[in-house]
Protein backbone atom coordinates (compact mmCIF):
# COMPACT_ATOMS: atom_id res chain seq x y z
CA UNK A 1 15.31 18.99 -8.33
CA UNK A 2 13.83 20.13 -4.97
CA UNK A 3 13.90 17.64 -2.44
CA UNK A 4 11.40 17.64 -1.37
CA UNK A 5 9.82 17.27 -4.96
CA UNK A 6 12.20 14.52 -4.88
CA UNK A 7 10.96 12.88 -1.65
CA UNK A 8 7.08 13.13 -2.64
CA UNK A 9 7.80 11.65 -6.02
CA UNK A 10 9.78 8.61 -4.80
CA UNK A 11 6.99 8.12 -2.20
CA UNK A 12 4.15 8.04 -4.48
CA UNK A 13 5.97 5.79 -6.78
CA UNK A 14 6.21 3.52 -3.28
CA UNK A 15 3.52 3.71 -2.01
CA UNK A 16 1.57 3.22 -5.37
CA UNK A 17 3.30 -0.24 -6.06
CA UNK A 18 3.41 -1.19 -2.03
CA UNK A 19 -0.56 -0.99 -1.94
CA UNK A 20 -0.86 -1.60 -5.75
CA UNK A 21 -4.78 -1.28 -6.06
CA UNK A 22 -5.16 -3.49 -9.09
CA UNK A 23 -4.92 -6.40 -6.61
CA UNK A 24 -7.72 -5.85 -4.68
CA UNK A 25 -9.98 -5.33 -7.88
CA UNK A 26 -10.53 -9.15 -8.09
CA UNK A 27 -11.54 -10.11 -4.83
CA UNK A 28 -14.12 -6.76 -4.73
CA UNK A 29 -15.53 -7.84 -8.45
CA UNK A 30 -15.79 -11.30 -6.89
CA UNK A 31 -17.74 -10.07 -3.66
CA UNK A 32 -20.12 -7.38 -5.71
CA UNK A 33 -20.98 -10.05 -7.98
CA UNK A 34 -24.64 -10.63 -7.83
CA UNK A 35 -24.83 -8.47 -4.94
CA UNK A 36 -26.69 -5.21 -4.54
CA UNK A 37 -23.99 -2.65 -2.64
CA UNK A 38 -22.99 0.76 -2.93
CA UNK A 39 -20.23 1.23 -4.91
CA UNK A 40 -20.06 5.11 -4.21
CA UNK A 41 -20.26 4.41 -0.47
CA UNK A 42 -17.59 1.19 -0.45
CA UNK A 43 -15.04 3.08 -2.52
CA UNK A 44 -15.15 6.23 -0.50
CA UNK A 45 -14.78 4.09 2.46
CA UNK A 46 -11.82 2.13 0.92
CA UNK A 47 -9.88 4.98 0.44
CA UNK A 48 -10.50 6.61 3.73
CA UNK A 49 -9.57 3.40 5.71
CA UNK A 50 -5.92 3.65 3.99
CA UNK A 51 -5.90 7.13 4.01
CA UNK A 52 -6.73 7.51 7.99
CA UNK A 53 -4.00 4.35 8.43
CA UNK A 54 -1.06 5.85 6.70
CA UNK A 55 -1.20 9.16 7.94
CA UNK A 56 -1.44 7.75 11.31
CA UNK A 57 1.83 6.00 10.89
CA UNK A 58 3.38 8.76 9.29
CA UNK A 59 2.78 11.03 12.68
CA UNK A 60 2.55 8.42 15.16
CA UNK A 61 4.70 5.32 13.80
CA UNK A 62 8.07 6.35 15.58
CA UNK A 63 6.44 7.38 18.75
CA UNK A 64 5.14 3.42 18.38
CA UNK A 65 8.72 1.78 17.83
CA UNK A 66 9.87 3.91 21.02
CA UNK A 67 7.18 2.14 22.67
CA UNK A 68 8.08 -0.57 22.17
CA UNK A 69 11.88 0.06 22.34
CA UNK A 70 12.30 -1.16 18.35
CA UNK A 71 15.24 0.51 16.59
CA UNK A 72 14.90 2.13 13.30
CA UNK A 73 16.97 0.06 11.96
CA UNK A 74 15.92 -2.84 13.31
CA UNK A 75 12.39 -1.64 11.62
CA UNK A 76 14.31 -1.02 8.60
CA UNK A 77 15.30 -4.66 7.99
CA UNK A 78 12.40 -5.94 9.07
CA UNK A 79 9.88 -3.71 6.97
CA UNK A 80 12.60 -4.08 4.14
CA UNK A 81 12.34 -7.92 3.90
CA UNK A 82 9.16 -8.13 3.93
CA UNK A 83 8.43 -5.66 1.18
CA UNK A 84 10.81 -8.00 -0.71
CA UNK A 85 8.92 -10.92 -0.12
CA UNK A 86 5.90 -8.99 -1.19
CA UNK A 87 7.46 -7.68 -4.27
CA UNK A 88 8.58 -11.73 -4.73
CA UNK A 89 5.06 -12.88 -4.46
CA UNK A 90 3.20 -9.96 -6.40
CA UNK A 91 5.68 -10.78 -9.53
CA UNK A 92 4.89 -14.63 -9.40
CA UNK A 93 1.40 -14.24 -8.98
CA UNK A 94 0.75 -15.53 -5.60
CA UNK A 95 -1.28 -12.49 -3.85
CA UNK A 96 -4.18 -12.68 -7.06
CA UNK A 97 -3.99 -16.58 -5.97
CA UNK A 98 -4.86 -15.50 -2.63
CA UNK A 99 -7.09 -12.82 -2.79
CA UNK A 100 -9.48 -15.17 -5.12
CA UNK A 101 -9.61 -17.43 -1.78
CA UNK A 102 -10.60 -14.59 0.44
CA UNK A 103 -14.13 -13.35 0.30
CA UNK A 104 -15.89 -11.79 2.83
CA UNK A 105 -20.14 -11.34 2.91
CA UNK A 106 -20.38 -8.43 5.34
CA UNK A 107 -20.94 -5.71 2.68
CA UNK A 108 -20.51 -2.93 5.51
CA UNK A 109 -17.46 -4.22 6.37
CA UNK A 110 -15.93 -5.08 3.02
CA UNK A 111 -14.31 -1.66 2.81
CA UNK A 112 -12.69 -1.74 6.15
CA UNK A 113 -12.01 -5.30 6.60
CA UNK A 114 -10.18 -6.77 3.96
CA UNK A 115 -9.96 -4.78 1.53
CA UNK A 116 -9.10 -1.21 3.29
CA UNK A 117 -6.75 -3.15 5.91
CA UNK A 118 -5.07 -5.44 5.60
CA UNK A 119 -4.87 -5.96 1.39
CA UNK A 120 -4.31 -1.80 0.76
CA UNK A 121 -2.93 -0.43 4.08
CA UNK A 122 -0.45 -3.69 5.40
CA UNK A 123 2.01 -4.01 7.15
CA UNK A 124 4.31 -3.29 3.71
CA UNK A 125 2.50 0.07 3.37
CA UNK A 126 2.89 1.45 6.93
CA UNK A 127 6.16 -0.09 7.18
CA UNK A 128 7.03 1.91 4.22
CA UNK A 129 6.06 5.26 5.86
CA UNK A 130 6.74 4.91 9.34
CA UNK A 131 10.75 4.36 7.61
CA UNK A 132 10.21 7.75 5.30
CA UNK A 133 8.85 9.22 8.43
CA UNK A 134 11.47 8.78 10.23
CA UNK A 135 14.27 8.51 7.65
CA UNK A 136 12.94 12.52 6.99
CA UNK A 137 12.12 14.24 10.52
CA UNK A 138 10.79 17.28 11.08
CA UNK A 139 7.04 18.76 11.19
CA UNK A 140 7.51 19.60 7.16
CA UNK A 141 8.65 16.56 5.62
CA UNK A 142 6.14 14.63 7.90
CA UNK A 143 3.54 16.88 6.16
CA UNK A 144 4.60 16.51 2.79
CA UNK A 145 4.31 12.43 3.11
CA UNK A 146 0.59 12.90 3.59
CA UNK A 147 0.79 13.97 -0.34
CA UNK A 148 1.58 10.95 -1.39
CA UNK A 149 -0.74 8.71 0.56
CA UNK A 150 -3.52 11.34 -0.23
CA UNK A 151 -2.52 10.58 -4.39
CA UNK A 152 -2.90 6.84 -3.57
CA UNK A 153 -5.91 7.13 -1.63
CA UNK A 154 -7.51 9.00 -4.70
CA UNK A 155 -6.10 6.48 -6.92
CA UNK A 156 -7.63 4.28 -5.37
CA UNK A 157 -11.00 5.80 -4.29
CA UNK A 158 -11.24 5.99 -9.00
CA UNK A 159 -10.50 2.62 -8.90
CA UNK A 160 -13.19 1.28 -7.03
CA UNK A 161 -15.72 3.72 -7.43
CA UNK A 162 -15.39 2.46 -11.64
CA UNK A 163 -13.62 -0.78 -10.91
CA UNK A 164 -16.52 -2.62 -13.41
CA UNK A 165 -15.11 -0.28 -15.99
CA UNK A 166 -11.54 -0.73 -15.08
CA UNK A 167 -11.50 -4.34 -15.05
CA UNK A 168 -13.02 -4.04 -18.37
CA UNK A 169 -10.65 -2.11 -19.99
CA UNK A 170 -7.47 -3.44 -18.82
CA UNK A 171 -8.78 -7.49 -18.50
CA UNK A 172 -6.99 -9.86 -16.59
CA UNK A 173 -3.76 -10.10 -18.65
CA UNK A 174 -3.56 -6.82 -18.26
CA UNK A 175 -3.85 -6.66 -14.52
CA UNK A 176 -1.48 -9.70 -13.97
CA UNK A 177 1.50 -7.86 -16.08
CA UNK A 178 1.10 -4.06 -13.89
CA UNK A 179 0.33 -6.44 -10.88
CA UNK A 180 4.66 -8.00 -11.86
CA UNK A 181 5.58 -4.61 -13.07
CA UNK A 182 4.74 -3.09 -9.44
CA UNK A 183 6.54 -6.43 -8.00
CA UNK A 184 9.27 -5.27 -9.73
CA UNK A 185 9.77 -2.02 -8.59
CA UNK A 186 8.74 -3.25 -4.85
CA UNK A 187 11.61 -5.69 -5.36
CA UNK A 188 13.96 -3.16 -6.10
CA UNK A 189 12.91 -0.25 -3.14
CA UNK A 190 13.25 -3.18 -0.71
CA UNK A 191 16.90 -3.88 -1.75
CA UNK A 192 17.71 -0.31 -1.31
CA UNK A 193 16.33 -0.32 2.14
CA UNK A 194 17.71 -3.25 3.04
CA UNK A 195 21.11 -2.18 1.78
CA UNK A 196 20.69 1.06 3.84
CA UNK A 197 19.90 -0.78 7.23
CA UNK A 198 22.72 -3.21 6.66
CA UNK A 199 25.30 -0.18 6.05
CA UNK A 200 23.99 1.24 9.48
CA UNK A 201 24.70 -1.98 11.15
CA UNK A 202 27.97 -2.22 9.90
């Protein structure tokens, strides 16, 4: 398999697991209950917010680390630990319980905060793309990393544009099962990142 294709597939899988759009569906459905909202507009704004934040992280993430004097290996270790915690929370269903307690009453802002940032384009996703960008230097590789971000953003748009339909199809149990599977994948990815960072330190 071509290295470029492997990179795209690996990062797309990782981002889907980290962002996990299904985790935010209960919050969105609870928010719009008994409220008149433009679902198409909100879905578009959520996906655009995620896309812009993650693309900026790909191209400017390393510069930000350099500005604060943070080494890549330290960021990898911290990011890996963060992803591991997120994975464990997802496998135990803690994230869904937290989301049910977070309801924003601003119709115009919910697409940006809290749905776009930090629930979907959160520290875990940002850490992942910065690490991937730093581990695959060069304009071509960084440009390729935009593809997984675009795929995830499109997935987010699809899910939230048809939130009611998706929710009825997969059901509450289906959502929980998928979230736990994504948590397992995320945990495995986190262990890989942590292991590589420790080996670099040694």
